[in-house]
Protein backbone atom coordinates (compact mmCIF):
# COMPACT_ATOMS: atom_id res chain seq x y z
CA SER A 1 110.37 88.05 121.98
CA ASP A 2 110.75 85.31 119.39
CA LEU A 3 113.72 85.51 116.88
CA VAL A 4 112.50 84.78 113.38
CA LEU A 5 115.14 83.35 111.04
CA PHE A 6 114.77 83.26 107.26
CA LYS A 7 116.66 81.23 104.71
CA GLY A 8 118.80 83.41 102.31
CA ASP A 9 116.72 82.70 99.32
CA GLU A 10 113.28 83.60 101.02
CA VAL A 11 114.09 87.21 101.58
CA LEU A 12 115.28 89.68 98.83
CA THR A 13 115.73 92.92 100.86
CA VAL A 14 115.84 93.59 104.56
CA ILE A 15 114.20 97.06 104.93
CA LYS A 16 116.03 99.43 107.29
CA MET A 17 115.26 103.15 107.80
CA LYS A 18 115.86 105.78 110.43
CA ALA A 19 113.38 106.27 113.22
CA GLN A 20 110.98 109.20 113.52
CA TRP A 21 111.82 110.20 117.07
CA PRO A 22 110.10 111.45 119.03
CA ALA A 23 107.06 110.01 117.47
CA TRP A 24 104.80 112.93 118.46
CA GLN A 25 106.69 115.57 116.43
CA PRO A 26 104.65 117.20 113.77
CA LEU A 27 104.72 114.95 110.72
CA ASN A 28 106.25 116.53 107.63
CA VAL A 29 105.51 113.96 104.79
CA ARG A 30 108.43 115.12 102.80
CA ALA A 31 110.76 114.42 105.82
CA ALA A 32 109.24 111.15 106.92
CA PRO A 33 111.58 108.19 107.27
CA SER A 34 112.03 106.30 104.03
CA ALA A 35 113.86 103.34 102.49
CA GLU A 36 114.13 101.56 99.21
CA PHE A 37 113.86 97.86 98.60
CA SER A 38 113.53 95.46 95.71
CA VAL A 39 110.92 92.76 94.78
CA ASP A 40 110.90 90.15 92.07
CA ARG A 41 108.57 87.49 90.65
CA THR A 42 109.38 84.94 93.48
CA ARG A 43 109.71 87.46 96.30
CA HIS A 44 106.97 90.08 96.13
CA LEU A 45 105.58 90.26 99.61
CA MET A 46 106.41 93.12 101.79
CA SER A 47 106.24 93.01 105.66
CA PHE A 48 107.56 95.50 108.22
CA LEU A 49 106.98 96.33 111.79
CA THR A 50 107.84 99.41 113.81
CA MET A 51 107.41 100.21 117.51
CA LEU A 52 105.53 103.33 118.91
CA GLY A 53 107.59 105.06 121.47
CA PRO A 54 107.04 105.61 124.11
CA SER A 55 104.40 102.90 124.56
CA PRO A 56 104.07 99.63 126.37
CA ASP A 57 104.39 97.25 123.46
CA TRP A 58 102.30 98.98 120.77
CA ASN A 59 103.41 98.73 117.11
CA VAL A 60 102.23 99.33 113.53
CA GLY A 61 103.08 97.48 110.41
CA LEU A 62 102.00 95.47 107.37
CA SER A 63 102.22 91.69 106.92
CA SER A 64 102.62 90.08 103.51
CA GLU A 65 101.46 93.09 101.42
CA ASP A 66 101.54 91.78 97.80
CA LEU A 67 103.11 94.29 95.47
CA CYS A 68 102.13 92.16 92.30
CA THR A 69 99.31 93.08 90.04
CA ARG A 70 96.92 90.50 88.57
CA GLU A 71 98.41 91.41 85.15
CA CYS A 72 101.77 90.22 86.33
CA GLY A 73 103.18 93.64 86.75
CA TRP A 74 104.02 95.85 89.80
CA VAL A 75 101.79 98.22 91.60
CA GLN A 76 102.58 101.95 91.09
CA ARG A 77 101.61 103.18 94.45
CA VAL A 78 100.23 101.71 97.77
CA VAL A 79 98.90 103.94 100.61
CA GLN A 80 97.83 102.28 103.85
CA ASP A 81 96.56 103.91 107.08
CA LEU A 82 97.80 101.81 110.05
CA ILE A 83 96.03 101.31 113.44
CA PRO A 84 98.12 100.23 116.53
CA TRP A 85 98.62 96.61 117.54
CA ASP A 86 99.41 95.26 120.95
CA ALA A 87 102.26 92.67 121.03
CA GLY A 88 100.97 90.95 124.15
CA THR A 89 104.13 91.40 126.20
CA ASP A 90 103.34 94.40 128.36
CA SER A 91 100.15 95.27 130.29
CA GLY A 92 100.31 99.16 130.05
CA VAL A 93 97.12 101.07 129.02
CA THR A 94 98.64 104.49 128.10
CA TYR A 95 101.63 105.69 126.06
CA GLU A 96 103.72 106.21 129.24
CA SER A 97 102.58 103.37 131.47
CA PRO A 98 105.36 101.81 133.51
CA ASN A 99 106.72 98.46 132.35
CA LYS A 100 104.61 95.61 133.53
CA PRO A 101 105.18 92.20 131.69
CA THR A 102 102.17 90.24 130.74
CA THR A 103 102.39 86.80 132.19
CA PRO A 104 101.69 84.61 130.36
CA GLN A 105 102.23 86.52 127.19
CA GLU A 106 99.14 87.07 125.00
CA LYS A 107 98.75 86.91 121.26
CA ILE A 108 99.37 89.91 119.13
CA ARG A 109 96.11 91.72 118.46
CA PRO A 110 94.74 95.01 117.15
CA LEU A 111 93.97 97.55 119.84
CA THR A 112 90.31 98.59 120.18
CA SER A 113 88.53 101.69 121.36
CA LEU A 114 87.01 99.77 124.37
CA ASP A 115 90.29 98.23 125.82
CA HIS A 116 90.46 100.49 128.85
CA PRO A 117 88.92 103.94 129.93
CA GLN A 118 92.31 105.42 130.32
CA SER A 119 93.55 104.42 126.81
CA PRO A 120 94.22 107.21 124.48
CA PHE A 121 92.02 105.43 121.92
CA TYR A 122 89.07 104.96 124.23
CA ASP A 123 85.60 105.58 122.92
CA PRO A 124 82.63 104.73 125.12
CA GLU A 125 80.53 103.97 122.06
CA GLY A 126 83.07 101.49 120.74
CA GLY A 127 83.71 103.28 117.35
CA ALA A 128 86.55 102.56 114.99
CA ILE A 129 90.09 103.22 116.32
CA THR A 130 91.78 106.19 114.75
CA PRO A 131 94.76 105.32 112.54
CA VAL A 132 98.18 106.51 114.01
CA ALA A 133 100.43 106.19 111.00
CA ARG A 134 100.55 105.97 107.19
CA VAL A 135 102.79 104.03 104.98
CA VAL A 136 103.37 105.00 101.34
CA VAL A 137 104.94 102.54 98.83
CA GLU A 138 105.90 104.05 95.53
CA ARG A 139 107.53 102.28 92.55
CA ILE A 140 110.67 104.30 91.49
CA ALA A 141 112.21 101.96 88.98
CA ARG A 142 111.89 98.78 87.02
CA LYS A 143 114.59 96.30 86.13
CA GLY A 144 114.26 93.86 83.14
CA GLU A 145 111.03 92.45 81.66
CA GLN A 146 107.89 92.11 83.67
CA CYS A 147 107.12 88.36 83.28
CA ASN A 148 107.32 88.82 79.46
CA ILE A 149 103.48 89.12 79.29
CA VAL A 150 102.08 92.72 79.52
CA PRO A 151 103.23 95.98 80.95
CA ASP A 152 102.39 97.04 84.53
CA ASN A 153 99.06 98.68 83.76
CA VAL A 154 96.99 100.38 81.18
CA ASP A 155 98.79 103.65 81.62
CA ASP A 156 102.03 101.97 80.55
CA ILE A 157 100.69 100.44 77.18
CA VAL A 158 103.25 101.01 74.45
CA ALA A 159 102.36 104.24 72.51
CA ASP A 160 103.36 105.29 69.03
CA ILE A 161 106.75 107.15 69.17
CA ALA A 162 105.28 109.83 66.83
CA GLN A 163 103.48 112.48 68.88
CA GLU A 164 102.16 115.81 68.00
CA GLU A 165 103.87 118.92 69.28
CA LYS A 166 102.64 119.80 72.80
CA GLU A 167 100.24 122.66 72.70
CA GLU A 168 100.84 125.68 74.81
CA ASP A 169 99.46 125.41 78.36
CA ASP A 170 95.89 126.86 78.05
CA THR A 171 94.84 125.74 81.56
CA PRO A 172 92.02 128.10 82.74
CA GLU A 173 92.95 130.25 85.68
CA THR A 174 90.01 128.75 87.59
CA CYS A 175 91.69 125.34 87.74
CA ILE A 176 94.21 124.93 90.63
CA TYR A 177 96.54 122.03 90.23
CA SER A 178 99.48 120.61 92.19
CA ASN A 179 102.76 120.39 90.56
CA TRP A 180 103.45 117.67 88.02
CA SER A 181 104.91 114.58 89.51
CA PRO A 182 108.26 113.31 88.23
CA TRP A 183 108.13 111.33 85.05
CA SER A 184 107.54 107.49 85.56
CA ALA A 185 109.99 104.98 84.24
CA CYS A 186 109.53 104.18 80.47
CA SER A 187 107.05 101.36 79.79
CA SER A 188 109.84 99.78 77.71
CA SER A 189 113.02 98.70 79.42
CA THR A 190 114.58 97.87 76.00
CA CYS A 191 115.34 99.72 72.81
CA GLU A 192 111.62 99.63 71.72
CA LYS A 193 108.92 102.19 71.59
CA GLY A 194 107.30 103.00 74.85
CA LYS A 195 105.88 105.96 76.77
CA ARG A 196 106.12 107.51 80.20
CA MET A 197 103.64 109.30 82.33
CA ARG A 198 103.34 112.09 84.87
CA GLN A 199 100.39 113.09 86.98
CA ARG A 200 99.05 116.16 88.82
CA MET A 201 96.10 116.64 91.17
CA LEU A 202 93.15 118.97 90.60
CA LYS A 203 93.14 120.77 94.02
CA ALA A 204 90.28 123.29 93.36
CA GLN A 205 87.85 124.10 90.59
CA LEU A 206 86.84 127.61 91.16
CA ASP A 207 84.20 127.73 88.42
CA LEU A 208 82.28 124.63 87.91
CA SER A 209 81.12 125.79 84.48
CA VAL A 210 84.62 125.85 83.13
CA HIS A 211 86.13 122.51 82.23
CA CYS A 212 89.51 121.59 83.81
CA PRO A 213 91.96 119.76 81.47
CA HIS A 214 93.50 116.34 81.92
CA THR A 215 95.57 115.46 85.06
CA GLN A 216 97.77 112.93 83.29
CA ASP A 217 100.46 113.65 80.74
CA PHE A 218 102.26 111.10 78.45
CA GLU A 219 105.23 111.38 76.21
CA PRO A 220 107.10 108.71 74.02
CA CYS A 221 110.28 107.13 75.32
CA MET A 222 112.71 104.32 74.75
CA GLY A 223 114.77 102.25 77.16
CA PRO A 224 118.05 103.63 78.39
CA GLY A 225 121.24 102.94 76.47
CA CYS A 226 119.52 102.86 73.17
CA SER A 227 121.87 105.21 71.28
CA ASP A 228 125.67 105.73 71.12
CA GLU A 229 125.55 108.71 73.24
CA ASP A 230 123.41 106.98 75.86
CA ALA A 231 125.50 103.79 76.06
CA SER A 232 127.78 105.30 78.77
CA THR A 233 125.09 107.08 80.70
CA CYS A 234 123.30 105.95 83.77
CA MET A 235 119.80 106.81 84.96
CA MET A 236 119.58 108.24 88.48
CA SER A 237 116.47 108.39 90.68
CA GLU A 238 115.16 111.80 91.89
CA TRP A 239 116.85 112.93 95.13
CA ILE A 240 115.15 111.67 98.24
CA THR A 241 114.16 114.23 100.94
CA TRP A 242 116.78 115.77 103.12
CA SER A 243 117.51 113.97 106.32
CA PRO A 244 116.98 115.80 109.63
CA CYS A 245 119.88 118.01 110.79
CA SER A 246 122.57 116.04 112.61
CA MET A 247 122.51 118.60 115.45
CA SER A 248 119.53 119.39 117.71
CA CYS A 249 121.12 122.70 118.62
CA GLY A 250 123.66 124.67 116.54
CA ALA A 251 125.42 124.00 113.33
CA GLY A 252 125.31 120.43 111.78
CA VAL A 253 124.91 118.81 108.39
CA ARG A 254 122.11 117.06 106.62
CA SER A 255 122.25 114.63 103.77
CA ARG A 256 120.09 113.22 100.98
CA GLU A 257 120.43 110.20 98.68
CA ARG A 258 119.52 109.05 95.29
CA TYR A 259 119.88 105.63 93.58
CA VAL A 260 121.07 104.21 90.33
CA LYS A 261 117.88 103.29 88.29
CA GLN A 262 119.77 101.85 85.27
CA PHE A 263 123.48 101.09 84.85
CA PRO A 264 125.23 101.94 81.52
CA ASP A 265 125.01 99.26 78.87
CA ASP A 266 128.67 99.56 77.90
CA GLY A 267 129.79 98.27 81.37
CA PHE A 268 131.16 101.48 82.68
CA ALA A 269 130.45 102.45 86.31
CA CYS A 270 128.13 105.35 87.10
CA ILE A 271 130.15 108.44 87.95
CA HIS A 272 127.17 110.42 89.39
CA SER A 273 127.20 110.86 93.22
CA THR A 274 124.47 109.06 95.08
CA GLU A 275 124.72 111.17 98.17
CA GLU A 276 125.24 114.85 98.95
CA THR A 277 125.41 116.89 102.18
CA GLU A 278 124.89 120.57 103.14
CA PRO A 279 125.23 122.59 106.29
CA CYS A 280 122.25 123.17 108.50
CA THR A 281 121.60 125.12 111.63
CA VAL A 282 118.98 124.46 114.31
CA ASN A 283 118.49 126.91 117.26
CA GLU A 284 121.54 129.12 116.62
CA ASP A 285 121.41 130.23 120.33
CA CYS A 286 122.43 127.16 122.29
CA SER A 287 122.80 128.98 125.68
CA PRO A 288 121.06 127.67 128.79
CA SER A 289 118.28 130.08 128.07
CA SER A 290 117.56 128.54 124.71
CA CYS A 291 115.08 125.79 123.95
CA LEU A 292 114.96 122.98 121.58
CA VAL A 293 112.30 122.98 118.99
CA THR A 294 111.18 120.62 116.21
CA GLU A 295 111.50 121.43 112.51
CA TRP A 296 108.62 123.43 111.08
CA GLY A 297 105.47 121.34 110.01
CA GLU A 298 104.00 121.85 106.49
CA TRP A 299 102.00 125.01 105.72
CA ASP A 300 98.29 124.68 106.24
CA VAL A 301 96.08 125.31 103.23
CA CYS A 302 95.38 128.93 102.50
CA SER A 303 92.48 130.36 104.54
CA ALA A 304 90.92 131.74 101.38
CA THR A 305 89.80 129.84 98.26
CA CYS A 306 90.29 132.98 96.22
CA GLY A 307 91.99 136.35 96.67
CA LEU A 308 94.16 137.14 99.71
CA GLY A 309 94.36 134.76 102.54
CA MET A 310 96.57 133.60 105.29
CA LYS A 311 98.39 130.31 105.99
CA ARG A 312 100.24 128.96 108.99
CA ARG A 313 102.54 126.36 110.11
CA GLU A 314 103.60 125.10 113.56
CA ARG A 315 106.36 123.44 115.36
CA MET A 316 106.74 122.16 118.92
CA VAL A 317 109.02 122.73 121.92
CA LYS A 318 111.06 119.53 122.28
CA MET A 319 113.09 120.72 125.42
CA PRO A 320 112.38 123.88 127.46
CA PRO A 321 115.42 126.05 128.63
CA SER A 322 117.63 124.28 131.12
CA ASP A 323 117.76 127.53 133.37
CA GLY A 324 114.01 127.33 133.82
CA SER A 325 113.18 130.48 131.81
CA ILE A 326 110.35 130.77 129.39
CA CYS A 327 110.95 129.44 125.70
CA GLY A 328 111.28 132.39 123.52
CA ALA A 329 111.21 130.53 120.21
CA GLU A 330 108.26 131.05 117.87
CA VAL A 331 105.99 128.10 117.57
CA VAL A 332 103.60 129.42 114.99
CA GLU A 333 104.33 131.19 111.78
CA VAL A 334 101.87 133.09 109.65
CA GLU A 335 102.13 134.52 106.21
CA LYS A 336 99.89 135.85 103.37
CA CYS A 337 98.93 133.68 100.43
CA MET A 338 97.29 134.81 97.20
CA MET A 339 94.68 132.68 95.31
CA PRO A 340 92.96 133.49 91.93
CA GLU A 341 90.71 136.45 91.82
CA CYS A 342 87.39 136.13 93.53
CA HIS A 343 85.03 137.24 90.71
CA THR A 344 83.96 133.63 90.13
CA ILE A 345 83.68 132.67 93.84
CA PRO A 346 80.22 132.65 95.28
CA CYS A 347 81.18 131.67 98.70
CA LEU A 348 84.10 132.94 100.94
CA LEU A 349 84.61 131.80 104.41
CA SER A 350 86.77 132.80 107.31
CA PRO A 351 89.01 130.14 108.97
CA TRP A 352 87.42 127.94 111.60
CA SER A 353 87.68 129.28 115.02
CA ASP A 354 89.39 127.28 117.77
CA TRP A 355 87.32 124.49 119.26
CA SER A 356 85.37 125.62 122.35
CA ASP A 357 85.76 124.09 125.76
CA CYS A 358 84.09 120.70 126.34
CA SER A 359 80.44 121.24 127.51
CA VAL A 360 81.09 119.16 130.64
CA THR A 361 83.70 119.31 133.32
CA CYS A 362 83.96 115.44 133.38
CA GLY A 363 82.92 112.52 131.35
CA LYS A 364 81.45 112.74 127.85
CA GLY A 365 80.45 115.97 126.22
CA THR A 366 80.54 118.01 123.09
CA ARG A 367 82.61 121.08 121.71
CA MET A 368 81.88 123.39 118.87
CA ARG A 369 83.81 125.60 116.39
CA GLN A 370 82.47 128.23 114.01
CA ARG A 371 83.35 130.18 110.88
CA MET A 372 81.84 133.24 109.16
CA LEU A 373 80.53 133.95 105.65
CA LYS A 374 82.93 136.64 104.24
CA SER A 375 81.56 136.96 100.75
CA PRO A 376 78.71 139.36 99.93
CA ALA A 377 75.37 137.72 99.74
CA GLU A 378 74.69 139.05 96.35
CA LEU A 379 77.43 136.80 94.83
CA GLY A 380 75.21 133.76 95.45
CA GLU A 381 73.95 131.34 97.94
CA CYS A 382 76.45 129.67 100.30
CA ASN A 383 75.66 126.12 101.44
CA GLU A 384 78.85 125.59 103.33
CA GLU A 385 78.38 124.72 107.12
CA LEU A 386 79.19 127.51 109.40
CA GLU A 387 79.18 125.45 112.66
CA GLN A 388 80.67 122.09 113.51
CA MET A 389 80.11 119.86 116.64
CA GLU A 390 82.17 116.96 117.79
CA LYS A 391 82.38 114.76 120.83
CA CYS A 392 84.95 115.28 123.57
CA MET A 393 85.88 113.03 126.51
CA LEU A 394 87.31 114.38 129.86
CA PRO A 395 88.31 112.21 132.90
CA GLU A 396 85.55 110.09 134.30
CA CYS A 397 83.17 111.84 136.69
CA PRO A 398 83.32 110.91 140.37
CA MET A 399 80.83 108.20 141.46
CA ASP A 400 79.65 108.14 144.90
CA CYS A 401 79.19 104.94 147.01
CA VAL A 402 75.70 103.38 146.45
CA MET A 403 74.02 101.44 149.35
CA SER A 404 71.23 99.04 149.43
CA GLU A 405 68.01 99.67 151.58
CA TRP A 406 68.22 98.82 155.31
CA SER A 407 67.01 95.36 156.29
CA GLU A 408 64.27 94.90 158.85
CA TRP A 409 65.23 95.21 162.58
CA SER A 410 66.23 91.84 164.03
CA GLU A 411 64.41 90.39 167.03
CA CYS A 412 65.62 91.46 170.50
CA SER A 413 68.74 89.54 171.56
CA LYS A 414 67.23 88.80 174.92
CA SER A 415 63.96 87.12 175.89
CA CYS A 416 63.76 89.20 179.05
CA GLY A 417 65.54 92.25 180.37
CA LYS A 418 67.75 94.63 178.38
CA GLY A 419 69.02 93.46 174.98
CA HIS A 420 69.65 94.99 171.38
CA LEU A 421 68.21 95.01 167.82
CA VAL A 422 70.35 94.90 164.71
CA ARG A 423 69.75 95.88 161.06
CA THR A 424 72.28 95.76 158.01
CA ARG A 425 72.72 96.98 154.50
CA THR A 426 75.26 96.17 151.73
CA VAL A 427 77.47 98.07 149.20
CA THR A 428 75.78 98.02 145.81
CA LEU A 429 78.48 100.17 143.99
CA GLU A 430 82.01 100.99 145.42
CA PRO A 431 82.99 104.59 145.00
CA GLN A 432 84.99 105.36 141.89
CA PHE A 433 87.17 108.35 140.56
CA GLY A 434 87.22 110.10 143.93
CA GLY A 435 83.55 109.68 144.84
CA ASP A 436 82.18 109.91 148.43
CA PRO A 437 83.12 106.78 150.52
CA CYS A 438 80.70 104.31 151.72
CA PRO A 439 78.90 104.90 155.06
CA GLU A 440 78.23 102.27 157.86
CA THR A 441 76.71 98.94 156.96
CA THR A 442 75.32 97.97 160.50
CA GLN A 443 73.20 99.70 163.13
CA ARG A 444 72.22 98.65 166.67
CA LYS A 445 69.72 99.91 169.24
CA THR A 446 68.63 98.68 172.67
CA CYS A 447 65.50 96.81 173.46
CA LYS A 448 63.81 95.87 176.75
CA ILE A 449 60.90 93.37 176.83
CA LYS A 450 60.05 92.42 180.57
CA LYS A 451 61.84 92.20 183.95
CA CYS A 452 63.49 88.86 184.43
CA ASN A 453 62.53 86.65 187.57
CA GLN A 454 65.41 86.78 190.02
CA GLY A 455 67.11 83.38 190.37
CA GLY A 456 64.59 81.78 188.16
CA ILE A 457 62.36 80.60 191.22
CA ASN A 458 58.72 79.65 190.48
CA SER A 459 55.67 80.92 192.40
CA ASP A 460 55.10 77.68 194.44
CA GLU A 461 58.61 77.79 195.72
CA ARG A 462 58.29 81.36 196.77
CA LYS A 463 55.08 80.59 198.71
CA ARG A 464 56.70 77.64 200.36
CA ARG A 465 59.74 79.83 201.48
CA LYS A 466 57.41 82.59 202.60
CA GLU A 467 55.55 80.19 204.93
CA GLU A 468 58.74 78.86 206.41
CA ARG A 469 59.92 82.45 207.24
CA LYS A 470 56.59 83.06 208.80
CA LYS A 471 56.80 79.86 211.03
CA ARG A 472 60.33 80.85 212.08
CA ARG A 473 59.21 84.27 213.13
CA ASN A 474 56.21 82.84 215.17
CA LYS A 475 58.40 80.29 216.86
CA GLN A 476 60.99 83.03 217.64
CA GLY A 477 58.22 85.09 219.13
CA ARG A 478 56.88 82.31 221.45
CA GLU A 479 60.39 81.61 222.75
CA GLU A 480 60.94 85.27 223.61
CA THR A 481 57.49 85.26 225.59
CA ALA A 482 58.47 82.16 227.57
CA ASP A 483 61.68 83.80 228.73
CA GLU A 484 59.84 86.76 230.01
CA LEU A 485 57.34 84.65 231.95
CA ALA A 486 60.06 82.73 233.66
């Protein structure tokens, strides 16, 4: 592959992060690989590339993603779903295809759902390819003025420092929110009045007739180091998620990091630690009969929208026991979850059933899943769907050989005597996916038109020879008579 070199003043930060390996383990967003990087007014485009492993030469990434806003500020959050691209260096069609270099190399291109029937992304109808990764870019700190023009966005407009006392939280019980996000950086990076913001997400509104309050919260703030007691303090970022345990079996350690968002104005160094570690244990039993499992995935949403429900989470077996025994580790965990009371809920549903088997044994079919209405009918009409159907694709069906019709019989190969006739047919479609092989393409049979003349002598010649034989016999008879008379 080509090596791309950059001049020192064209790149501000080289992004490096730990790999998520193996790539198929359940994705826990809080434990996803992460890295911090910086941008400025002259270097504000982000690019990255990461391979999919195992795969031939597939990868995902972004090219020249602009983190500036039109108002000369910085975006707060970018979320992009990524589809796989083919680097053009390997000709494999599945995740675990053997290495087969593409000669000559092809241009990098996005994979499509029609590339190959054996591709994991294949769709006979040529639909959109399913994203395989998601990248989230979040602004965690700002340094200095933002172009000396305007703040980042409307939410960061400078507010009056005087603010009324916060009222007690009177959020109705029928409004279900996520936790508040961390406070954003202050909209003022100097000792001027500003404000900061935090957000939460409305996850469920159990009673549509009851209004749910705001999802954004603001409070006044000033830049760091704006008082004597703040002059020697430094602002630290929130702790970033714990790393995976250093051991795949047994006792190990894990770590997490945070970063200095603002150094002290008095020139002193920050004394706060930027990294901390703690012990962790994975698969306490590390005997030959133990198996390695991934970390637990996130909990599913509660099966009930109100009242008592169940939630579950899963993990996968990374490596079965080396002694060949059955893995005894639990891969599914279930626990109860309590939602608000159900008196305002008109519709309660059971969890979806597992998907049924595909309706066909090969080729393209459909599968279904169902759920049941649990709430009493007198609570109100339920318009939620109780049945879902989706397409499913199994290995291609066997296709038998297809032949053309027989041709007409040929003329007899001889003009007289015994010969043969011939007829033929051709292969219209070769057998595929284990179908029946092709039968014969040629048939012969004998033919007899008329008896051939021996030696090819014509009738006049035969008469002449017959007369000569008759004369010889007559002459021979006269000679025998003369001998007797003598």
